[in-house]
Protein backbone atom coordinates (compact mmCIF):
# COMPACT_ATOMS: atom_id res chain seq x y z
CA MET A 1 -174.80 -101.78 45.99
CA ASP A 2 -176.47 -102.66 49.39
CA ARG A 3 -173.53 -103.72 52.04
CA THR A 4 -176.58 -105.49 53.94
CA SER A 5 -178.78 -108.28 51.92
CA VAL A 6 -182.75 -108.57 52.51
CA ALA A 7 -182.10 -111.53 55.02
CA GLU A 8 -179.28 -109.77 57.03
CA LEU A 9 -181.49 -106.59 57.71
CA ALA A 10 -184.85 -108.85 58.31
CA ALA A 11 -182.69 -110.71 60.87
CA LEU A 12 -181.50 -107.37 62.63
CA LEU A 13 -185.36 -105.88 62.56
CA ARG A 14 -186.62 -109.22 63.97
CA ARG A 15 -183.74 -109.05 66.99
CA ASP A 16 -184.35 -105.31 67.46
CA LEU A 17 -188.44 -105.97 67.70
CA ALA A 18 -187.93 -106.82 71.58
CA ARG A 19 -187.43 -103.16 72.16
CA TYR A 20 -190.85 -102.36 71.24
CA SER A 21 -194.04 -103.03 72.81
CA PRO A 22 -197.10 -104.61 70.80
CA GLY A 23 -198.53 -101.60 68.53
CA GLU A 24 -195.38 -99.40 69.04
CA LYS A 25 -194.04 -97.88 65.50
CA LEU A 26 -191.18 -98.77 64.20
CA PRO A 27 -188.28 -96.37 62.73
CA SER A 28 -189.34 -94.73 59.20
CA SER A 29 -188.13 -96.47 56.16
CA ARG A 30 -185.80 -93.34 55.73
CA GLU A 31 -184.32 -93.68 59.46
CA LEU A 32 -183.84 -97.30 58.78
CA MET A 33 -182.03 -96.81 55.31
CA GLN A 34 -179.97 -94.11 57.07
CA ARG A 35 -179.05 -96.49 59.68
CA HIS A 36 -178.36 -99.62 57.65
CA GLN A 37 -176.91 -97.99 54.72
CA VAL A 38 -179.27 -100.04 52.25
CA SER A 39 -181.76 -99.38 49.83
CA PRO A 40 -185.26 -98.45 49.87
CA VAL A 41 -186.05 -101.80 48.17
CA THR A 42 -183.89 -103.90 50.57
CA VAL A 43 -186.07 -101.86 53.62
CA SER A 44 -189.35 -102.76 52.06
CA ARG A 45 -188.85 -106.51 51.16
CA ALA A 46 -187.26 -106.60 54.76
CA ILE A 47 -190.58 -105.44 55.95
CA ALA A 48 -192.45 -107.40 53.62
CA VAL A 49 -190.76 -110.68 55.52
CA LEU A 50 -191.56 -109.43 58.78
CA ALA A 51 -195.15 -108.95 57.75
CA ALA A 52 -195.49 -111.91 56.49
CA GLU A 53 -194.07 -113.88 59.71
CA GLY A 54 -196.84 -112.21 61.42
CA LEU A 55 -194.39 -110.03 63.57
CA VAL A 56 -195.01 -106.48 62.09
CA VAL A 57 -198.04 -104.72 60.77
CA SER A 58 -197.89 -102.06 57.87
CA ARG A 59 -200.32 -99.21 57.69
CA PRO A 60 -200.23 -97.09 54.78
CA GLY A 61 -199.73 -93.44 55.50
CA ALA A 62 -199.08 -94.31 59.26
CA GLY A 63 -196.01 -96.42 59.22
CA VAL A 64 -194.93 -99.87 60.35
CA PHE A 65 -195.83 -101.08 63.88
CA ARG A 66 -194.95 -104.39 66.26
CA ALA A 67 -197.73 -106.94 65.76
CA GLU A 68 -199.97 -107.32 68.96
CA THR A 69 -199.12 -110.38 70.61
CA ARG A 70 -201.22 -113.46 69.50
CA ARG A 71 -203.43 -115.06 72.03
CA THR A 72 -202.85 -119.02 72.70
CA THR A 73 -205.38 -121.52 72.14
CA ALA A 74 -207.37 -122.78 75.69
CA ARG A 75 -206.08 -126.12 74.41
CA PRO A 76 -204.05 -128.04 72.18
CA ALA A 77 -205.50 -128.83 68.79
CA ASP A 78 -206.69 -132.67 68.43
CA THR A 79 -206.07 -133.94 64.92
CA SER A 80 -206.26 -137.55 65.54
CA TRP A 81 -209.50 -137.92 64.04
CA GLN A 82 -207.93 -137.59 60.46
CA GLU A 83 -206.38 -140.79 61.34
CA VAL A 84 -209.51 -142.37 60.84
CA ALA A 85 -210.93 -140.03 58.34
CA LEU A 86 -207.55 -140.71 55.85
CA SER A 87 -207.89 -144.35 56.22
CA ALA A 88 -211.48 -144.83 55.32
CA GLU A 89 -210.93 -146.19 51.93
CA ALA A 90 -212.12 -149.71 52.15
CA GLY A 91 -212.53 -151.31 48.70
CA ILE A 92 -210.19 -148.96 46.98
CA PRO A 93 -206.49 -150.89 46.90
CA PRO A 94 -204.05 -150.23 47.02
CA ALA A 95 -203.51 -147.06 49.21
CA ARG A 96 -203.56 -143.56 47.64
CA ALA A 97 -201.34 -142.16 50.65
CA ALA A 98 -198.17 -140.48 48.60
CA ASP A 99 -195.06 -141.44 49.98
CA ALA A 100 -193.05 -138.47 49.54
CA SER A 101 -189.74 -139.39 51.07
CA GLY A 102 -187.71 -140.02 48.04
CA VAL A 103 -189.02 -137.03 46.70
CA LEU A 104 -188.24 -134.73 49.47
CA GLY A 105 -184.91 -136.34 50.00
CA ALA A 106 -184.27 -135.49 46.65
CA LEU A 107 -185.40 -131.84 47.25
CA ALA A 108 -183.77 -131.14 50.60
CA LEU A 109 -181.44 -128.35 50.43
CA ALA A 110 -177.84 -129.06 51.89
CA PRO A 111 -176.32 -126.67 54.51
CA PRO A 112 -173.78 -124.04 53.57
CA GLU A 113 -170.97 -125.92 54.78
CA VAL A 114 -171.85 -129.49 53.21
CA VAL A 115 -171.01 -130.11 49.34
CA ASP A 116 -174.52 -131.07 47.72
CA LEU A 117 -174.06 -134.46 45.39
CA ASN A 118 -177.79 -134.90 46.15
CA SER A 119 -179.37 -132.44 44.30
CA GLY A 120 -180.70 -132.92 40.64
CA TYR A 121 -180.86 -129.00 39.97
CA LEU A 122 -178.04 -126.81 38.30
CA HIS A 123 -175.86 -125.02 40.61
CA PRO A 124 -176.82 -121.51 40.21
CA SER A 125 -173.63 -120.46 38.58
CA LEU A 126 -174.80 -123.13 35.72
CA GLN A 127 -178.20 -121.37 35.42
CA PRO A 128 -178.90 -118.74 32.69
CA GLU A 129 -179.77 -116.24 35.31
CA ARG A 130 -179.08 -112.99 32.73
CA ALA A 131 -181.09 -114.95 29.82
CA LEU A 132 -183.90 -115.66 32.39
CA ALA A 133 -184.28 -112.51 33.69
CA ALA A 134 -184.16 -111.03 30.00
CA ALA A 135 -186.55 -113.39 29.06
CA LEU A 136 -188.85 -112.51 31.84
CA ALA A 137 -188.89 -108.63 31.12
CA ARG A 138 -189.19 -109.14 27.56
CA ALA A 139 -192.28 -111.52 28.23
CA GLY A 140 -193.91 -109.06 30.89
CA ARG A 141 -193.85 -106.54 27.99
CA ARG A 142 -195.74 -108.58 25.57
CA PRO A 143 -199.13 -107.90 24.51
CA GLU A 144 -201.87 -109.72 26.38
CA ALA A 145 -199.23 -111.30 28.78
CA TRP A 146 -201.46 -111.31 31.49
CA SER A 147 -204.61 -112.52 29.58
CA ARG A 148 -205.68 -115.98 30.29
CA PRO A 149 -203.89 -118.64 27.71
CA PRO A 150 -205.36 -121.34 25.71
CA MET A 151 -205.71 -124.68 27.95
CA GLU A 152 -203.04 -126.42 25.57
CA GLY A 153 -200.65 -123.81 25.75
CA LEU A 154 -199.68 -120.97 23.50
CA PRO A 155 -199.52 -122.16 20.02
CA GLU A 156 -195.73 -120.46 19.55
CA LEU A 157 -194.85 -122.52 22.54
CA ARG A 158 -196.46 -125.67 21.26
CA ALA A 159 -194.48 -125.27 17.99
CA TRP A 160 -191.39 -125.04 19.45
CA PHE A 161 -191.72 -128.05 21.40
CA ALA A 162 -192.76 -129.88 18.46
CA ARG A 163 -189.75 -128.89 16.43
CA ASP A 164 -187.16 -129.54 19.02
CA ILE A 165 -188.59 -132.96 19.64
CA GLY A 166 -188.57 -133.70 15.65
CA GLY A 167 -189.94 -136.47 13.56
CA SER A 168 -193.30 -136.46 12.88
CA VAL A 169 -194.52 -134.42 16.22
CA THR A 170 -196.54 -131.36 15.36
CA ALA A 171 -197.90 -128.38 17.59
CA ALA A 172 -201.27 -130.22 17.76
CA ASP A 173 -199.69 -133.26 19.48
CA VAL A 174 -198.12 -131.04 22.45
CA LEU A 175 -199.89 -129.97 25.59
CA VAL A 176 -197.88 -127.24 27.66
CA ALA A 177 -197.30 -128.75 31.06
CA ALA A 178 -196.33 -127.04 34.54
CA GLY A 179 -192.86 -129.34 34.86
CA GLY A 180 -192.18 -132.66 34.15
CA GLN A 181 -193.48 -133.85 37.49
CA SER A 182 -196.41 -132.64 36.37
CA ALA A 183 -196.71 -133.86 33.07
CA LEU A 184 -195.98 -137.25 34.77
CA THR A 185 -198.85 -137.15 37.10
CA THR A 186 -201.01 -135.85 34.47
CA ALA A 187 -199.46 -139.07 32.14
CA LEU A 188 -199.99 -141.79 34.61
CA ARG A 189 -203.62 -140.67 35.91
CA SER A 190 -205.01 -140.65 32.16
CA LEU A 191 -203.32 -143.67 30.99
CA ALA A 192 -204.13 -146.01 33.83
CA ALA A 193 -206.95 -146.68 35.99
CA PRO A 194 -205.96 -146.87 39.94
CA GLY A 195 -205.54 -150.54 41.16
CA ALA A 196 -203.61 -151.17 37.76
CA PRO A 197 -199.99 -152.26 37.18
CA VAL A 198 -197.51 -149.98 35.49
CA LEU A 199 -194.34 -151.04 34.37
CA VAL A 200 -191.00 -149.26 35.38
CA GLU A 201 -187.43 -149.72 34.59
CA SER A 202 -185.52 -150.87 37.80
CA PRO A 203 -184.11 -148.79 39.32
CA THR A 204 -185.89 -146.04 38.15
CA TYR A 205 -187.15 -142.02 39.50
CA PRO A 206 -188.32 -142.11 43.10
CA GLY A 207 -190.80 -139.12 41.87
CA MET A 208 -191.77 -141.17 39.46
CA LEU A 209 -192.76 -144.20 41.69
CA ALA A 210 -194.11 -141.57 44.41
CA VAL A 211 -196.53 -140.55 41.62
CA ALA A 212 -197.67 -144.12 40.24
CA ARG A 213 -198.40 -145.06 43.89
CA ALA A 214 -200.39 -141.82 45.01
CA ALA A 215 -202.49 -142.65 41.80
CA GLY A 216 -203.28 -145.58 43.19
CA LEU A 217 -201.09 -147.86 40.61
CA ARG A 218 -199.23 -150.96 41.12
CA PRO A 219 -195.37 -150.25 40.04
CA VAL A 220 -194.27 -153.44 38.80
CA PRO A 221 -190.09 -153.60 38.23
CA VAL A 222 -188.27 -154.40 34.56
CA PRO A 223 -184.43 -154.76 35.35
CA MET A 224 -182.04 -152.85 33.08
CA ASP A 225 -178.35 -153.30 32.43
CA ALA A 226 -175.74 -150.95 30.57
CA ASP A 227 -177.63 -150.89 27.24
CA GLY A 228 -180.85 -149.81 28.98
CA VAL A 229 -183.88 -151.70 29.94
CA ARG A 230 -183.75 -155.58 29.24
CA THR A 231 -186.35 -156.05 26.24
CA GLU A 232 -186.85 -160.04 27.07
CA LEU A 233 -187.87 -158.85 30.45
CA LEU A 234 -190.31 -156.22 29.21
CA ALA A 235 -192.04 -158.40 27.03
CA GLU A 236 -192.28 -161.20 29.63
CA ALA A 237 -193.44 -158.33 32.29
CA PHE A 238 -196.14 -157.14 29.92
CA ALA A 239 -197.33 -160.53 29.58
CA ALA A 240 -197.43 -161.48 33.22
CA SER A 241 -198.80 -158.29 34.68
CA GLY A 242 -201.42 -157.55 31.85
CA ALA A 243 -200.16 -153.79 31.84
CA ARG A 244 -200.97 -151.33 29.50
CA VAL A 245 -198.12 -148.86 30.24
CA PHE A 246 -194.41 -148.77 30.69
CA VAL A 247 -192.22 -145.67 32.10
CA CYS A 248 -189.01 -145.49 30.88
CA GLN A 249 -186.24 -142.75 30.44
CA PRO A 250 -184.31 -143.99 27.25
CA LEU A 251 -181.56 -141.06 27.73
CA PHE A 252 -179.48 -140.71 30.49
CA GLN A 253 -181.78 -142.62 32.34
CA ASN A 254 -181.91 -141.97 36.23
CA PRO A 255 -180.52 -142.90 38.42
CA THR A 256 -177.86 -145.83 35.86
CA GLY A 257 -177.22 -142.99 33.07
CA ALA A 258 -178.02 -145.75 30.94
CA VAL A 259 -178.69 -145.01 26.85
CA LEU A 260 -181.15 -147.31 25.02
CA THR A 261 -179.60 -148.99 22.16
CA VAL A 262 -180.91 -148.33 18.73
CA GLU A 263 -181.64 -152.32 18.90
CA ARG A 264 -183.44 -152.30 22.18
CA ARG A 265 -185.46 -149.26 21.21
CA ARG A 266 -187.15 -150.86 18.22
CA GLU A 267 -187.43 -153.94 20.23
CA VAL A 268 -189.18 -151.79 23.25
CA LEU A 269 -191.72 -150.06 20.81
CA ARG A 270 -192.72 -153.67 19.02
CA ILE A 271 -193.06 -155.35 22.59
CA ALA A 272 -195.44 -152.45 23.39
CA ARG A 273 -197.35 -152.45 20.19
CA ALA A 274 -197.92 -155.94 20.55
CA ALA A 275 -199.57 -155.60 23.88
CA GLY A 276 -201.44 -152.94 23.13
CA ALA A 277 -199.65 -150.57 25.70
CA PHE A 278 -198.42 -147.10 25.69
CA VAL A 279 -194.85 -146.32 26.29
CA LEU A 280 -194.29 -143.05 28.52
CA GLU A 281 -190.91 -141.72 27.63
CA ASP A 282 -189.48 -139.17 30.04
CA ASP A 283 -186.97 -137.37 28.09
CA PHE A 284 -185.69 -134.93 30.85
CA ALA A 285 -181.89 -135.06 30.51
CA ARG A 286 -181.70 -134.32 26.19
CA ARG A 287 -180.53 -130.96 27.03
CA LEU A 288 -178.03 -132.17 29.67
CA VAL A 289 -175.73 -133.74 26.92
CA HIS A 290 -172.26 -133.64 27.64
CA ALA A 291 -169.39 -131.52 25.23
CA ASP A 292 -167.85 -134.87 24.45
CA ALA A 293 -170.90 -136.76 23.58
CA PRO A 294 -172.00 -138.44 20.46
CA GLU A 295 -174.75 -137.80 18.28
CA LEU A 296 -178.17 -138.54 20.57
CA PRO A 297 -180.45 -140.90 19.52
CA PRO A 298 -183.53 -139.26 18.60
CA PRO A 299 -186.44 -139.26 20.97
CA LEU A 300 -188.80 -142.49 20.88
CA ALA A 301 -191.83 -139.94 20.10
CA ALA A 302 -190.03 -138.85 16.85
CA ASP A 303 -190.90 -142.21 14.95
CA ASP A 304 -194.07 -143.29 16.18
CA PRO A 305 -197.07 -141.92 14.24
CA ASP A 306 -199.70 -144.80 15.83
CA GLY A 307 -199.26 -142.64 19.22
CA VAL A 308 -197.77 -145.71 21.05
CA VAL A 309 -195.24 -143.03 22.69
CA VAL A 310 -196.53 -140.82 25.49
CA HIS A 311 -193.36 -138.12 25.33
CA ILE A 312 -192.09 -135.71 27.84
CA ARG A 313 -189.87 -132.92 27.62
CA SER A 314 -189.01 -130.27 30.13
CA LEU A 315 -187.52 -126.99 30.37
CA THR A 316 -186.47 -127.19 34.28
CA LYS A 317 -183.29 -129.16 34.64
CA PRO A 318 -181.48 -127.09 31.73
CA THR A 319 -182.49 -124.02 33.03
CA SER A 320 -183.53 -123.33 36.59
CA PRO A 321 -185.94 -124.99 39.29
CA ASN A 322 -188.46 -122.12 38.85
CA LEU A 323 -189.02 -122.56 34.98
CA ARG A 324 -191.79 -125.28 35.50
CA VAL A 325 -192.47 -125.33 31.95
CA ALA A 326 -192.90 -128.96 30.15
CA ALA A 327 -194.40 -130.48 26.94
CA LEU A 328 -196.70 -133.34 27.30
CA VAL A 329 -196.83 -135.04 23.80
CA ALA A 330 -199.66 -137.59 22.48
CA ARG A 331 -201.78 -138.53 19.86
CA GLY A 332 -205.48 -139.81 19.19
CA PRO A 333 -207.66 -140.31 22.26
CA ALA A 334 -204.81 -140.52 24.43
CA LEU A 335 -204.15 -136.67 23.65
CA ALA A 336 -207.97 -135.80 24.29
CA ARG A 337 -207.64 -137.62 28.08
CA LEU A 338 -204.43 -135.88 29.07
CA ARG A 339 -206.00 -132.52 27.91
CA ALA A 340 -208.96 -133.30 29.99
CA VAL A 341 -207.28 -134.44 33.20
CA GLN A 342 -204.86 -131.56 32.88
CA ALA A 343 -207.56 -129.02 32.57
CA VAL A 344 -209.58 -130.40 35.39
CA ASP A 345 -206.30 -130.34 37.66
CA SER A 346 -204.51 -126.88 36.89
CA PHE A 347 -206.84 -125.32 34.26
CA PHE A 348 -203.89 -123.99 32.52
CA VAL A 349 -200.09 -122.99 32.88
CA PRO A 350 -199.59 -119.10 33.79
CA ARG A 351 -199.45 -116.98 30.62
CA PRO A 352 -196.24 -115.16 32.08
CA LEU A 353 -194.34 -118.35 32.59
CA GLN A 354 -195.00 -119.73 29.08
CA GLU A 355 -194.35 -116.58 27.29
CA THR A 356 -190.83 -116.02 29.11
CA ALA A 357 -190.10 -119.74 28.31
CA LEU A 358 -190.80 -118.79 24.84
CA GLU A 359 -188.69 -115.71 25.18
CA LEU A 360 -185.88 -117.43 26.27
CA VAL A 361 -185.51 -120.43 23.79
CA ALA A 362 -186.34 -117.81 20.63
CA ALA A 363 -182.96 -115.70 22.03
CA PRO A 364 -179.55 -116.32 20.81
CA ALA A 365 -178.59 -116.76 24.22
CA TRP A 366 -180.21 -119.97 24.55
CA THR A 367 -178.03 -122.29 22.20
CA GLN A 368 -175.08 -120.27 23.89
CA HIS A 369 -176.07 -121.41 27.40
CA LEU A 370 -176.54 -125.27 26.07
CA ARG A 371 -173.06 -125.06 24.69
CA VAL A 372 -171.59 -123.84 28.17
CA LEU A 373 -173.65 -126.25 30.33
CA ALA A 374 -172.43 -129.29 27.76
CA ALA A 375 -168.99 -128.11 28.51
CA ALA A 376 -169.34 -127.49 32.32
CA LEU A 377 -170.99 -131.03 32.63
CA GLN A 378 -168.28 -132.80 30.97
CA GLU A 379 -165.78 -130.83 33.17
CA ARG A 380 -167.66 -131.94 36.38
CA ARG A 381 -167.94 -135.66 35.60
CA THR A 382 -164.30 -135.97 34.61
CA ALA A 383 -163.15 -134.10 37.93
CA LEU A 384 -165.61 -136.40 39.78
CA VAL A 385 -164.72 -139.74 38.32
CA GLY A 386 -160.96 -138.72 37.87
CA ALA A 387 -160.71 -138.41 41.93
CA LEU A 388 -162.83 -141.40 42.24
CA ARG A 389 -160.71 -143.23 40.15
CA THR A 390 -157.62 -142.52 42.11
CA LEU A 391 -159.15 -143.42 45.56
CA ARG A 392 -161.74 -145.99 44.88
CA PRO A 393 -161.85 -147.38 41.32
CA GLU A 394 -163.96 -150.27 41.95
CA LEU A 395 -166.95 -147.84 42.77
CA LEU A 396 -167.35 -146.59 39.48
CA PRO A 397 -169.71 -148.04 36.40
CA GLU A 398 -168.11 -149.90 33.80
CA ARG A 399 -169.56 -147.50 31.53
CA LEU A 400 -169.90 -143.87 32.34
CA PRO A 401 -172.29 -141.53 31.21
CA TYR A 402 -171.86 -138.51 28.50
CA GLY A 403 -174.93 -136.91 29.46
CA GLY A 404 -177.21 -136.16 32.66
CA TYR A 405 -175.63 -135.09 36.02
CA GLN A 406 -175.03 -138.55 38.03
CA LEU A 407 -173.13 -141.32 38.84
CA TRP A 408 -174.54 -144.28 40.05
CA LEU A 409 -172.06 -146.26 42.51
CA ARG A 410 -172.25 -149.90 43.00
CA LEU A 411 -170.94 -150.45 46.89
CA PRO A 412 -169.51 -153.34 48.19
CA ASP A 413 -172.01 -156.31 49.14
CA GLY A 414 -173.05 -156.14 52.41
CA SER A 415 -173.05 -152.22 52.67
CA ASP A 416 -175.79 -150.14 54.43
CA PRO A 417 -176.22 -146.83 51.98
CA ALA A 418 -178.14 -145.05 53.97
CA ALA A 419 -175.75 -145.41 56.94
CA LEU A 420 -172.87 -144.57 54.61
CA ALA A 421 -174.89 -141.60 53.31
CA ALA A 422 -175.78 -140.38 57.10
CA ALA A 423 -171.71 -140.60 57.23
CA ALA A 424 -170.90 -138.44 54.04
CA LEU A 425 -173.24 -135.80 55.57
CA ARG A 426 -170.99 -136.05 58.73
CA ALA A 427 -168.01 -135.55 56.54
CA GLY A 428 -169.45 -132.32 54.53
CA VAL A 429 -171.17 -134.21 51.69
CA ALA A 430 -174.66 -134.93 51.00
CA VAL A 431 -175.24 -138.13 48.60
CA THR A 432 -178.29 -140.37 47.96
CA PRO A 433 -178.78 -143.80 49.08
CA GLY A 434 -179.72 -146.29 46.18
CA GLY A 435 -182.65 -148.01 48.21
CA PRO A 436 -185.44 -145.46 47.29
CA TYR A 437 -184.85 -146.19 43.41
CA PHE A 438 -186.20 -149.71 43.66
CA THR A 439 -189.95 -150.61 44.03
CA ALA A 440 -188.96 -153.57 46.27
CA GLU A 441 -185.49 -154.34 48.11
CA PRO A 442 -182.56 -153.55 46.23
CA PRO A 443 -180.55 -156.24 44.76
CA ALA A 444 -177.31 -154.36 45.57
CA PRO A 445 -176.24 -151.49 47.64
CA HIS A 446 -175.56 -148.37 45.66
CA LEU A 447 -175.50 -144.61 45.90
CA ARG A 448 -175.99 -142.03 43.71
CA LEU A 449 -173.74 -138.79 43.34
CA SER A 450 -175.31 -135.88 41.36
CA TYR A 451 -172.63 -133.31 40.38
CA ALA A 452 -175.09 -130.64 38.87
CA CYS A 453 -175.26 -129.00 42.04
CA ALA A 454 -171.84 -128.43 43.33
CA GLN A 455 -169.98 -124.84 42.79
CA ASN A 456 -167.27 -126.27 40.86
CA ALA A 457 -164.82 -128.88 39.67
CA GLU A 458 -162.57 -128.39 42.62
CA GLN A 459 -165.34 -128.84 45.32
CA LEU A 460 -166.18 -132.29 43.46
CA THR A 461 -162.59 -133.00 44.11
CA ASP A 462 -162.71 -132.26 47.47
CA ALA A 463 -166.24 -133.86 47.90
CA ALA A 464 -165.01 -136.96 46.59
CA HIS A 465 -162.31 -137.40 49.04
CA ARG A 466 -164.55 -136.92 51.62
CA LEU A 467 -166.49 -139.38 50.96
CA VAL A 468 -164.32 -141.92 50.49
CA ARG A 469 -162.77 -141.24 53.71
CA ALA A 470 -166.69 -141.32 54.98
CA LEU A 471 -166.90 -144.87 53.27
CA GLY A 472 -163.78 -146.05 55.17
C-alpha cells in the first residue's frame, strides 16, 4: 500500500515546481515512483491534479512539463453591469434570486479538528462503501450500461421504488430523479406557478425554502407541534392563502424529528382534497429509522388512489452523498407535468448511476446495511442525548426522535443561536442555528444537532461537553 496519498504527492510536486522553469520537463513517472515510494496510479492521479490546476502540461510520449506562466489581464474585470441585468425583472414578483445561505451552511465541510454536528450526511464509516463499490463494478458490466436510459428511468428501478413505497403505488407512477433536492425542484416548479403561495411546515428544511423562493413561490408557514403539522391551522392556511400545494415531511421531520400521527395523517389528506390541493410528501428519512423504533406508518402516498400526494423517496441519505438517485411519484396529469419539466431540465438520470442503485438495493448487503445503520443511529442518538441529559437536560425536546439524524434543541429565551453556533465552532463543534428553518423571524431560539456525520459515539459525548461549555 502506498505510504503517500495522492493529495500528499500532489502537495510535494506543487512545492517542487519552483525549481523548474516554465516549459521545463519534470522527472519521469518511474523516477517519481522510486523517489516517493508510490504506485503508478498515485503518480498519474497526482499529475492529473496539477494539470487540472493549470500548473503542469502532460504531453503523451514526451512527458510532463511545468506550464507556461499565464499572462495577467491588462485591467481587472468589471462585472458591475451584471447587477443591473440580474435585477431587471420588473413585473415578475417575487424575485427569483436563490438564497442559498441555508443550503451552503448545511453543505459546508467542517475542518478535521472540528466535530461535525451540522451535516445531514452519513459519516464514511456508516456508508456502505464496499457494497457501493461492488454495485458500481457490477453495474459497469451490465449490457448497455452506457446506453441512454428511458427518460422516466430504468423500468426495474421504478418497479423497485414502487414496491419499496408500497400500497397502491405502481412502477407506472414513478419517475427516477437525480436525488431528493432535484425532485423537490421539479415538483415545486411543476405544481405551482411563479408568484403562487405554497404551504410549508414551520420550522422546515432550508433547502426546500430555497427551492421554493428560487422558483418564485411564496412560502406560507403552518406551525407544528410534537405530533406534526397542526391540521386546524393547515385548513385555515389553505383558506386564507388559496395555496394549491402543501410540502411536508410526515416522518422524522427535519429539523424537529416529529412523526405525523395517524389522526393527523387522515386530516392532512382530507383538508388537501377539500382545498383541491397537492400534498408534496418528502419521505427523506424512512431508511434512517433507529433500531428501537416502533412500526412505522406507511407513506401518505401508499393509500392515495386520487393523486393528491406527490411523493419523494431518495437513496442518498441512507447511502452516500454521491448516490443521487430518487423516486418522484405522482398520478394523472401531474405525472405528465413532472415528466415534462424534468425532461426539459435534465433529460434523464445517467444510466450508470441508475444501474448502480439497482445493483445495490437488489444485493443481500442492502438489507444488512440498513440493519447496521439502524443500530448505529440509535447508539449515536443515545450517546448524544445521554450527555446532554446530564449536562443541560432542559435543552432536550420533550419527545425524542426514533429516526432521522438530528436533535432540535430549544434554547433559553433571549439566546442568540447564530452567536452560540459561532462560539461552539470556536470550541471545536459545528452546529446549526435554527433561524434558517423558519420563513420569517423565529418564534423561539433553537439549535439543530446532527449526529450522522460524527465519527463515533465517543466523539458525540465529547462534542456535547464542548457545546455546553460554549453555551455557558
